[in-house]
């Protein structure tokens, strides 16, 4: 799936570039987000795939780390970024609702079986063991949505846990 996404992303970008070769920008600013494990984004940056694709046209690729979808759309509206390779549906809808036009070139699914709910090292537990426990993470994200889905699959709701909304680095430290 990564190869398909990367190929489509690069092909779409190159096709747009070829159509407007005379109007190519000097640089392109792209959002880079590692978490929650955005494999295609990580590989594209680490392998320099976009840098190589734009090298012959003299276009510099700048990677910007903005982990919040809503902040990404604000940065797009302000002209600070051109492309986000990682944005959730809620952020897209909010941006468009606020009058900030966001165009979608392609999409990548995040299968639920590639995520994990983790606890203390060495502890053996199931989702049902989360009842009454404190769980930290970013509210309103794919991670939050997957937690709610995992709880529902086990006959529980978000009200069965004490969910504490915090950004990923803080949650990881906690």
N, C-alpha and C. Protein backbone atom coordinates (compact mmCIF):
# COMPACT_ATOMS: atom_id res chain seq x y z
N UNK A 1 0.82 -1.18 0.00
CA UNK A 1 0.00 0.00 0.00
C UNK A 1 0.87 1.25 0.00
N UNK A 2 2.04 1.20 0.69
CA UNK A 2 2.91 2.36 0.73
C UNK A 2 3.36 2.74 -0.67
N UNK A 3 3.80 1.72 -1.45
CA UNK A 3 4.29 2.01 -2.80
C UNK A 3 3.20 2.68 -3.63
N UNK A 4 1.96 2.21 -3.48
CA UNK A 4 0.85 2.80 -4.21
C UNK A 4 0.66 4.25 -3.81
N UNK A 5 0.68 4.52 -2.49
CA UNK A 5 0.50 5.89 -2.00
C UNK A 5 1.64 6.78 -2.48
N UNK A 6 2.88 6.32 -2.29
CA UNK A 6 4.04 7.13 -2.67
C UNK A 6 4.03 7.39 -4.17
N UNK A 7 3.73 6.36 -4.94
CA UNK A 7 3.68 6.52 -6.39
C UNK A 7 2.59 7.51 -6.80
N UNK A 8 1.42 7.36 -6.21
CA UNK A 8 0.31 8.27 -6.53
C UNK A 8 0.64 9.69 -6.10
N UNK A 9 1.25 9.84 -4.93
CA UNK A 9 1.61 11.16 -4.40
C UNK A 9 2.62 11.84 -5.32
N UNK A 10 3.67 11.10 -5.65
CA UNK A 10 4.72 11.65 -6.50
C UNK A 10 4.20 11.88 -7.92
N UNK A 11 3.46 10.91 -8.46
CA UNK A 11 2.91 11.06 -9.81
C UNK A 11 1.98 12.26 -9.89
N UNK A 12 1.11 12.40 -8.90
CA UNK A 12 0.19 13.53 -8.89
C UNK A 12 0.93 14.84 -8.79
N UNK A 13 1.94 14.88 -7.94
CA UNK A 13 2.73 16.09 -7.77
C UNK A 13 3.49 16.41 -9.05
N UNK A 14 4.09 15.40 -9.66
CA UNK A 14 4.83 15.61 -10.89
C UNK A 14 3.92 16.01 -12.03
N UNK A 15 2.73 15.41 -12.09
CA UNK A 15 1.77 15.76 -13.14
C UNK A 15 1.37 17.22 -13.01
N UNK A 16 1.13 17.65 -11.78
CA UNK A 16 0.79 19.06 -11.57
C UNK A 16 1.97 19.93 -11.96
N UNK A 17 3.18 19.47 -11.64
CA UNK A 17 4.38 20.22 -11.97
C UNK A 17 4.57 20.33 -13.47
N UNK A 18 4.37 19.21 -14.18
CA UNK A 18 4.55 19.22 -15.63
C UNK A 18 3.56 20.16 -16.30
N UNK A 19 2.33 20.19 -15.77
CA UNK A 19 1.30 21.04 -16.35
C UNK A 19 1.61 22.52 -16.14
N UNK A 20 2.35 22.81 -15.10
CA UNK A 20 2.67 24.20 -14.79
C UNK A 20 4.17 24.39 -14.66
N UNK A 21 4.93 23.76 -15.55
CA UNK A 21 6.39 23.77 -15.46
C UNK A 21 6.94 25.18 -15.37
N UNK A 22 6.36 26.11 -16.10
CA UNK A 22 6.87 27.48 -16.07
C UNK A 22 6.56 28.16 -14.74
N UNK A 23 5.57 27.66 -14.03
CA UNK A 23 5.15 28.28 -12.78
C UNK A 23 5.58 27.51 -11.54
N UNK A 24 6.58 26.67 -11.66
CA UNK A 24 7.02 25.88 -10.50
C UNK A 24 7.50 26.80 -9.39
N UNK A 25 7.12 26.47 -8.15
CA UNK A 25 7.63 27.27 -7.04
C UNK A 25 9.10 26.95 -6.79
N UNK A 26 9.77 27.83 -6.09
CA UNK A 26 11.18 27.60 -5.74
C UNK A 26 11.29 26.58 -4.63
N UNK A 27 10.22 26.48 -3.82
CA UNK A 27 10.20 25.51 -2.73
C UNK A 27 8.78 25.06 -2.44
N UNK A 28 8.68 23.87 -1.87
CA UNK A 28 7.40 23.30 -1.46
C UNK A 28 7.52 22.94 0.02
N UNK A 29 6.55 23.36 0.81
CA UNK A 29 6.53 23.08 2.24
C UNK A 29 5.51 21.99 2.53
N UNK A 30 6.01 20.89 3.10
CA UNK A 30 5.20 19.70 3.32
C UNK A 30 5.21 19.35 4.80
N UNK A 31 4.04 18.98 5.32
CA UNK A 31 3.92 18.57 6.73
C UNK A 31 4.54 17.19 6.91
N UNK A 32 5.31 17.06 7.99
CA UNK A 32 5.91 15.77 8.35
C UNK A 32 5.43 15.38 9.75
N UNK A 33 4.79 14.22 9.84
CA UNK A 33 4.29 13.73 11.11
C UNK A 33 4.63 12.25 11.22
N UNK A 34 5.37 11.87 12.27
CA UNK A 34 5.70 10.46 12.48
C UNK A 34 4.54 9.71 13.13
N UNK A 35 3.95 10.32 14.14
CA UNK A 35 2.93 9.63 14.92
C UNK A 35 1.55 10.03 14.43
N UNK A 36 0.57 9.19 14.44
CA UNK A 36 0.63 7.81 14.91
C UNK A 36 1.10 6.86 13.82
N UNK A 37 2.36 6.75 13.67
CA UNK A 37 3.04 5.86 12.75
C UNK A 37 2.55 6.02 11.31
N UNK A 38 2.89 7.13 10.73
CA UNK A 38 2.54 7.41 9.34
C UNK A 38 3.68 6.94 8.45
N UNK A 39 3.68 5.63 8.19
CA UNK A 39 4.76 4.97 7.48
C UNK A 39 5.12 5.64 6.16
N UNK A 40 4.10 5.94 5.35
CA UNK A 40 4.39 6.53 4.05
C UNK A 40 5.09 7.88 4.19
N UNK A 41 4.71 8.68 5.15
CA UNK A 41 5.32 9.98 5.39
C UNK A 41 6.77 9.81 5.86
N UNK A 42 6.98 8.87 6.76
CA UNK A 42 8.33 8.62 7.29
C UNK A 42 9.27 8.18 6.17
N UNK A 43 8.83 7.21 5.37
CA UNK A 43 9.69 6.67 4.30
C UNK A 43 9.98 7.73 3.24
N UNK A 44 8.96 8.49 2.83
CA UNK A 44 9.19 9.53 1.83
C UNK A 44 10.25 10.52 2.28
N UNK A 45 10.19 10.92 3.57
CA UNK A 45 11.16 11.89 4.08
C UNK A 45 12.54 11.25 4.24
N UNK A 46 12.59 10.09 4.89
CA UNK A 46 13.87 9.45 5.17
C UNK A 46 14.61 9.04 3.90
N UNK A 47 13.89 8.65 2.87
CA UNK A 47 14.51 8.24 1.60
C UNK A 47 14.72 9.41 0.64
N UNK A 48 14.22 10.60 1.01
CA UNK A 48 14.39 11.77 0.16
C UNK A 48 13.67 11.64 -1.18
N UNK A 49 12.56 10.93 -1.19
CA UNK A 49 11.86 10.65 -2.45
C UNK A 49 11.36 11.92 -3.15
N UNK A 50 10.80 12.84 -2.40
CA UNK A 50 10.30 14.06 -3.02
C UNK A 50 11.45 14.98 -3.43
N UNK A 51 12.50 15.01 -2.62
CA UNK A 51 13.67 15.81 -2.97
C UNK A 51 14.24 15.34 -4.31
N UNK A 52 14.32 14.02 -4.48
CA UNK A 52 14.84 13.45 -5.73
C UNK A 52 13.90 13.76 -6.90
N UNK A 53 12.59 13.67 -6.66
CA UNK A 53 11.62 13.91 -7.73
C UNK A 53 11.65 15.35 -8.22
N UNK A 54 11.92 16.30 -7.33
CA UNK A 54 11.90 17.71 -7.70
C UNK A 54 13.29 18.29 -7.99
N UNK A 55 14.32 17.49 -7.77
CA UNK A 55 15.70 17.97 -7.94
C UNK A 55 15.95 18.55 -9.34
N UNK A 56 15.53 17.85 -10.37
CA UNK A 56 15.80 18.29 -11.75
C UNK A 56 15.12 19.61 -12.08
N UNK A 57 14.05 19.94 -11.34
CA UNK A 57 13.35 21.20 -11.56
C UNK A 57 13.84 22.32 -10.64
N UNK A 58 14.80 21.99 -9.77
CA UNK A 58 15.35 23.00 -8.86
C UNK A 58 14.41 23.43 -7.76
N UNK A 59 13.45 22.57 -7.43
CA UNK A 59 12.48 22.89 -6.38
C UNK A 59 12.96 22.29 -5.06
N UNK A 60 13.07 23.11 -4.04
CA UNK A 60 13.51 22.66 -2.72
C UNK A 60 12.29 22.16 -1.94
N UNK A 61 12.45 21.04 -1.27
CA UNK A 61 11.38 20.47 -0.45
C UNK A 61 11.72 20.74 1.02
N UNK A 62 10.81 21.41 1.71
CA UNK A 62 10.96 21.70 3.14
C UNK A 62 9.94 20.89 3.92
N UNK A 63 10.39 20.16 4.91
CA UNK A 63 9.49 19.37 5.76
C UNK A 63 9.22 20.16 7.03
N UNK A 64 7.95 20.32 7.38
CA UNK A 64 7.52 21.05 8.57
C UNK A 64 6.77 20.10 9.50
N UNK A 65 7.16 20.08 10.75
CA UNK A 65 6.48 19.22 11.72
C UNK A 65 5.33 20.00 12.37
N UNK A 66 4.13 19.60 12.04
CA UNK A 66 2.91 20.16 12.64
C UNK A 66 2.01 18.97 12.92
N UNK A 67 1.85 18.60 14.18
CA UNK A 67 1.14 17.37 14.51
C UNK A 67 -0.38 17.51 14.59
N UNK A 68 -0.88 18.71 14.75
CA UNK A 68 -2.32 18.92 14.87
C UNK A 68 -2.92 19.21 13.50
N UNK A 69 -3.96 18.45 13.13
CA UNK A 69 -4.64 18.67 11.86
C UNK A 69 -5.20 20.07 11.74
N UNK A 70 -5.78 20.59 12.82
CA UNK A 70 -6.36 21.94 12.75
C UNK A 70 -5.26 22.99 12.57
N UNK A 71 -4.11 22.77 13.17
CA UNK A 71 -2.99 23.71 12.99
C UNK A 71 -2.41 23.59 11.57
N UNK A 72 -2.48 22.39 10.99
CA UNK A 72 -2.04 22.21 9.62
C UNK A 72 -2.93 23.03 8.68
N UNK A 73 -4.24 22.97 8.89
CA UNK A 73 -5.14 23.71 8.01
C UNK A 73 -4.96 25.21 8.19
N UNK A 74 -4.65 25.65 9.41
CA UNK A 74 -4.37 27.07 9.64
C UNK A 74 -3.10 27.48 8.90
N UNK A 75 -2.08 26.62 8.95
CA UNK A 75 -0.83 26.90 8.26
C UNK A 75 -1.04 26.93 6.74
N UNK A 76 -1.92 26.05 6.24
CA UNK A 76 -2.24 26.07 4.81
C UNK A 76 -2.94 27.38 4.44
N UNK A 77 -3.91 27.76 5.26
CA UNK A 77 -4.65 28.99 4.98
C UNK A 77 -3.73 30.20 5.01
N UNK A 78 -2.71 30.17 5.86
CA UNK A 78 -1.77 31.27 5.97
C UNK A 78 -0.63 31.21 4.97
N UNK A 79 -0.58 30.13 4.17
CA UNK A 79 0.45 30.00 3.16
C UNK A 79 1.78 29.46 3.67
N UNK A 80 1.83 28.99 4.91
CA UNK A 80 3.09 28.47 5.47
C UNK A 80 3.39 27.05 5.01
N UNK A 81 2.36 26.30 4.65
CA UNK A 81 2.57 24.96 4.09
C UNK A 81 1.73 24.80 2.82
N UNK A 82 2.22 23.93 1.96
CA UNK A 82 1.54 23.69 0.68
C UNK A 82 0.83 22.35 0.66
N UNK A 83 1.44 21.34 1.30
CA UNK A 83 0.93 19.98 1.24
C UNK A 83 0.97 19.36 2.62
N UNK A 84 -0.10 18.67 2.97
CA UNK A 84 -0.10 17.85 4.18
C UNK A 84 -0.27 16.41 3.75
N UNK A 85 0.67 15.59 4.13
CA UNK A 85 0.57 14.17 3.81
C UNK A 85 -0.18 13.43 4.91
N UNK A 86 -0.54 14.14 5.98
CA UNK A 86 -1.18 13.50 7.12
C UNK A 86 -2.23 14.46 7.70
N UNK A 87 -3.50 14.18 7.41
CA UNK A 87 -4.56 15.01 7.98
C UNK A 87 -5.82 14.16 8.11
N UNK A 88 -6.51 14.28 9.23
CA UNK A 88 -7.71 13.46 9.41
C UNK A 88 -8.94 14.15 8.83
N UNK A 89 -9.99 13.38 8.69
CA UNK A 89 -11.23 13.85 8.07
C UNK A 89 -11.82 15.04 8.82
N UNK A 90 -11.79 14.99 10.15
CA UNK A 90 -12.35 16.09 10.95
C UNK A 90 -11.67 17.41 10.62
N UNK A 91 -10.35 17.39 10.53
CA UNK A 91 -9.60 18.61 10.22
C UNK A 91 -9.95 19.14 8.83
N UNK A 92 -10.10 18.22 7.88
CA UNK A 92 -10.47 18.63 6.52
C UNK A 92 -11.85 19.29 6.50
N UNK A 93 -12.79 18.68 7.18
CA UNK A 93 -14.15 19.22 7.22
C UNK A 93 -14.19 20.57 7.91
N UNK A 94 -13.45 20.71 9.01
CA UNK A 94 -13.42 21.99 9.73
C UNK A 94 -12.79 23.07 8.86
N UNK A 95 -11.71 22.73 8.16
CA UNK A 95 -11.04 23.71 7.29
C UNK A 95 -11.98 24.17 6.18
N UNK A 96 -12.61 23.22 5.51
CA UNK A 96 -13.53 23.59 4.43
C UNK A 96 -14.73 24.36 4.97
N UNK A 97 -15.21 23.98 6.16
CA UNK A 97 -16.32 24.69 6.79
C UNK A 97 -15.99 26.12 7.14
N UNK A 98 -14.70 26.38 7.42
CA UNK A 98 -14.25 27.73 7.75
C UNK A 98 -13.91 28.53 6.49
N UNK A 99 -14.12 27.91 5.32
CA UNK A 99 -13.86 28.62 4.08
C UNK A 99 -12.45 28.46 3.55
N UNK A 100 -11.65 27.60 4.19
CA UNK A 100 -10.28 27.33 3.72
C UNK A 100 -10.33 26.11 2.83
N UNK A 101 -10.22 26.33 1.55
CA UNK A 101 -10.34 25.25 0.59
C UNK A 101 -9.14 24.32 0.69
N UNK A 102 -9.40 23.04 0.93
CA UNK A 102 -8.37 22.01 0.98
C UNK A 102 -8.71 20.99 -0.09
N UNK A 103 -7.79 20.75 -0.99
CA UNK A 103 -8.01 19.78 -2.06
C UNK A 103 -7.34 18.47 -1.69
N UNK A 104 -8.01 17.36 -1.94
CA UNK A 104 -7.49 16.04 -1.61
C UNK A 104 -7.02 15.38 -2.90
N UNK A 105 -5.72 15.08 -2.97
CA UNK A 105 -5.16 14.43 -4.16
C UNK A 105 -5.35 12.92 -4.08
N UNK A 106 -5.17 12.35 -2.91
CA UNK A 106 -5.33 10.91 -2.71
C UNK A 106 -5.49 10.67 -1.21
N UNK A 107 -5.85 9.47 -0.85
CA UNK A 107 -6.02 9.14 0.55
C UNK A 107 -5.38 7.82 0.89
N UNK A 108 -5.07 7.65 2.15
CA UNK A 108 -4.47 6.41 2.64
C UNK A 108 -5.30 5.94 3.82
N UNK A 109 -5.68 4.70 3.81
CA UNK A 109 -6.43 4.14 4.93
C UNK A 109 -5.47 3.75 6.04
N UNK A 110 -5.94 3.81 7.23
CA UNK A 110 -5.18 3.36 8.40
C UNK A 110 -5.93 2.19 9.02
N UNK A 111 -5.67 0.97 8.58
CA UNK A 111 -6.38 -0.18 9.13
C UNK A 111 -6.20 -0.26 10.65
N UNK A 112 -7.28 -0.54 11.32
CA UNK A 112 -7.26 -0.60 12.78
C UNK A 112 -6.29 -1.65 13.30
N UNK A 113 -6.01 -2.68 12.52
CA UNK A 113 -5.12 -3.73 13.02
C UNK A 113 -3.64 -3.34 12.99
N UNK A 114 -3.33 -2.12 12.54
CA UNK A 114 -1.93 -1.67 12.58
C UNK A 114 -1.66 -0.81 13.81
N UNK A 115 -2.67 -0.61 14.65
CA UNK A 115 -2.53 0.18 15.86
C UNK A 115 -2.56 -0.74 17.07
N UNK A 116 -2.07 -0.22 18.18
CA UNK A 116 -2.10 -1.00 19.42
C UNK A 116 -2.42 -0.08 20.58
N UNK A 117 -3.10 -0.61 21.55
CA UNK A 117 -3.31 0.09 22.81
C UNK A 117 -2.27 -0.48 23.75
N UNK A 118 -1.42 0.38 24.28
CA UNK A 118 -0.31 -0.10 25.11
C UNK A 118 -0.43 0.40 26.54
N UNK A 119 0.16 -0.34 27.42
CA UNK A 119 0.19 0.01 28.84
C UNK A 119 1.60 -0.09 29.36
N UNK A 120 1.72 -0.25 30.66
CA UNK A 120 3.03 -0.35 31.28
C UNK A 120 3.80 -1.54 30.74
N UNK A 121 5.13 -1.38 30.58
CA UNK A 121 5.94 -2.51 30.11
C UNK A 121 5.79 -3.73 31.02
N UNK A 122 5.68 -4.90 30.41
CA UNK A 122 5.60 -6.14 31.16
C UNK A 122 4.20 -6.51 31.62
N UNK A 123 3.27 -5.57 31.53
CA UNK A 123 1.90 -5.86 31.98
C UNK A 123 1.14 -6.61 30.89
N UNK A 124 0.40 -7.61 31.29
CA UNK A 124 -0.44 -8.36 30.37
C UNK A 124 -1.89 -7.97 30.65
N UNK A 125 -2.56 -7.37 29.69
CA UNK A 125 -3.94 -6.95 29.92
C UNK A 125 -4.72 -6.97 28.62
N UNK A 126 -6.03 -6.84 28.75
CA UNK A 126 -6.90 -6.76 27.58
C UNK A 126 -7.63 -5.42 27.63
N UNK A 127 -8.37 -5.11 26.59
CA UNK A 127 -9.12 -3.86 26.54
C UNK A 127 -10.11 -3.80 27.70
N UNK A 128 -10.70 -4.94 28.07
CA UNK A 128 -11.66 -4.97 29.19
C UNK A 128 -11.02 -4.54 30.50
N UNK A 129 -9.70 -4.74 30.63
CA UNK A 129 -8.98 -4.34 31.84
C UNK A 129 -8.83 -2.82 31.95
N UNK A 130 -9.21 -2.09 30.93
CA UNK A 130 -9.11 -0.63 30.97
C UNK A 130 -10.23 0.02 31.77
N UNK A 131 -11.27 -0.74 32.08
CA UNK A 131 -12.42 -0.19 32.80
C UNK A 131 -11.95 0.49 34.10
N UNK A 132 -12.32 1.76 34.25
CA UNK A 132 -11.98 2.53 35.44
C UNK A 132 -10.56 3.10 35.44
N UNK A 133 -9.79 2.82 34.41
CA UNK A 133 -8.39 3.28 34.35
C UNK A 133 -8.29 4.64 33.67
N UNK A 134 -7.18 5.32 33.94
CA UNK A 134 -6.88 6.60 33.29
C UNK A 134 -6.18 6.31 31.97
N UNK A 135 -6.66 6.95 30.92
CA UNK A 135 -6.07 6.79 29.59
C UNK A 135 -5.79 8.17 29.03
N UNK A 136 -4.55 8.39 28.60
CA UNK A 136 -4.15 9.70 28.07
C UNK A 136 -3.92 9.61 26.58
N UNK A 137 -4.32 10.66 25.88
CA UNK A 137 -4.10 10.74 24.45
C UNK A 137 -4.76 11.96 23.86
N UNK A 138 -4.50 12.24 22.60
CA UNK A 138 -5.08 13.43 21.95
C UNK A 138 -6.54 13.22 21.58
N UNK A 139 -7.42 14.02 22.17
CA UNK A 139 -8.85 13.92 21.91
C UNK A 139 -9.16 14.40 20.49
N UNK A 140 -10.12 13.72 19.85
CA UNK A 140 -10.57 14.13 18.54
C UNK A 140 -9.66 13.69 17.41
N UNK A 141 -8.81 12.71 17.66
CA UNK A 141 -7.88 12.22 16.64
C UNK A 141 -8.24 10.79 16.27
N UNK A 142 -7.52 10.26 15.29
CA UNK A 142 -7.71 8.86 14.91
C UNK A 142 -7.43 7.96 16.11
N UNK A 143 -6.43 8.31 16.90
CA UNK A 143 -6.10 7.50 18.08
C UNK A 143 -7.28 7.44 19.05
N UNK A 144 -7.92 8.58 19.27
CA UNK A 144 -9.08 8.65 20.16
C UNK A 144 -10.23 7.81 19.57
N UNK A 145 -10.43 7.95 18.28
CA UNK A 145 -11.49 7.19 17.59
C UNK A 145 -11.25 5.69 17.71
N UNK A 146 -10.01 5.24 17.56
CA UNK A 146 -9.70 3.82 17.67
C UNK A 146 -9.89 3.31 19.10
N UNK A 147 -9.59 4.14 20.08
CA UNK A 147 -9.84 3.77 21.48
C UNK A 147 -11.33 3.55 21.70
N UNK A 148 -12.14 4.50 21.25
CA UNK A 148 -13.59 4.39 21.41
C UNK A 148 -14.10 3.12 20.71
N UNK A 149 -13.58 2.84 19.52
CA UNK A 149 -13.99 1.64 18.78
C UNK A 149 -13.57 0.37 19.51
N UNK A 150 -12.36 0.35 20.08
CA UNK A 150 -11.89 -0.83 20.82
C UNK A 150 -12.74 -1.05 22.06
N UNK A 151 -13.09 0.04 22.75
CA UNK A 151 -13.95 -0.09 23.93
C UNK A 151 -15.32 -0.63 23.53
N UNK A 152 -15.90 -0.07 22.46
CA UNK A 152 -17.22 -0.51 22.01
C UNK A 152 -17.20 -1.98 21.61
N UNK A 153 -16.14 -2.40 20.96
CA UNK A 153 -16.01 -3.80 20.54
C UNK A 153 -16.01 -4.74 21.75
N UNK A 154 -15.63 -4.20 22.90
CA UNK A 154 -15.58 -4.98 24.13
C UNK A 154 -16.72 -4.65 25.08
N UNK A 155 -17.80 -4.07 24.52
CA UNK A 155 -19.01 -3.80 25.31
C UNK A 155 -18.88 -2.63 26.27
N UNK A 156 -17.97 -1.71 26.01
CA UNK A 156 -17.78 -0.55 26.89
C UNK A 156 -17.89 0.73 26.07
N UNK A 157 -17.85 1.85 26.79
CA UNK A 157 -17.86 3.16 26.12
C UNK A 157 -16.74 4.00 26.74
N UNK A 158 -16.53 5.17 26.19
CA UNK A 158 -15.49 6.08 26.71
C UNK A 158 -15.80 6.48 28.15
N UNK A 159 -17.08 6.38 28.54
CA UNK A 159 -17.47 6.71 29.92
C UNK A 159 -17.02 5.65 30.92
N UNK A 160 -16.58 4.49 30.43
CA UNK A 160 -16.09 3.43 31.32
C UNK A 160 -14.63 3.62 31.70
N UNK A 161 -13.98 4.62 31.09
CA UNK A 161 -12.57 4.92 31.41
C UNK A 161 -12.48 6.40 31.75
N UNK A 162 -11.37 6.79 32.36
CA UNK A 162 -11.13 8.21 32.62
C UNK A 162 -10.17 8.70 31.53
N UNK A 163 -10.75 9.28 30.48
CA UNK A 163 -9.94 9.74 29.36
C UNK A 163 -9.39 11.12 29.66
N UNK A 164 -8.07 11.27 29.57
CA UNK A 164 -7.41 12.55 29.81
C UNK A 164 -6.81 13.01 28.48
N UNK A 165 -7.33 14.13 27.98
CA UNK A 165 -6.87 14.64 26.70
C UNK A 165 -5.52 15.35 26.86
N UNK A 166 -4.52 14.87 26.13
CA UNK A 166 -3.22 15.54 26.10
C UNK A 166 -2.50 15.13 24.82
N UNK A 167 -1.52 15.95 24.43
CA UNK A 167 -0.81 15.66 23.19
C UNK A 167 0.02 14.38 23.34
N UNK A 168 0.45 13.83 22.21
CA UNK A 168 1.13 12.55 22.20
C UNK A 168 2.42 12.53 23.03
N UNK A 169 3.31 13.53 22.89
CA UNK A 169 4.53 13.48 23.70
C UNK A 169 4.24 13.48 25.21
N UNK A 170 3.27 14.29 25.63
CA UNK A 170 2.91 14.35 27.05
C UNK A 170 2.31 13.02 27.51
N UNK A 171 1.43 12.45 26.67
CA UNK A 171 0.81 11.16 27.02
C UNK A 171 1.87 10.07 27.13
N UNK A 172 2.83 10.07 26.21
CA UNK A 172 3.89 9.08 26.25
C UNK A 172 4.72 9.23 27.52
N UNK A 173 5.03 10.46 27.90
CA UNK A 173 5.80 10.70 29.13
C UNK A 173 5.03 10.27 30.37
N UNK A 174 3.72 10.53 30.36
CA UNK A 174 2.88 10.18 31.50
C UNK A 174 2.82 8.67 31.67
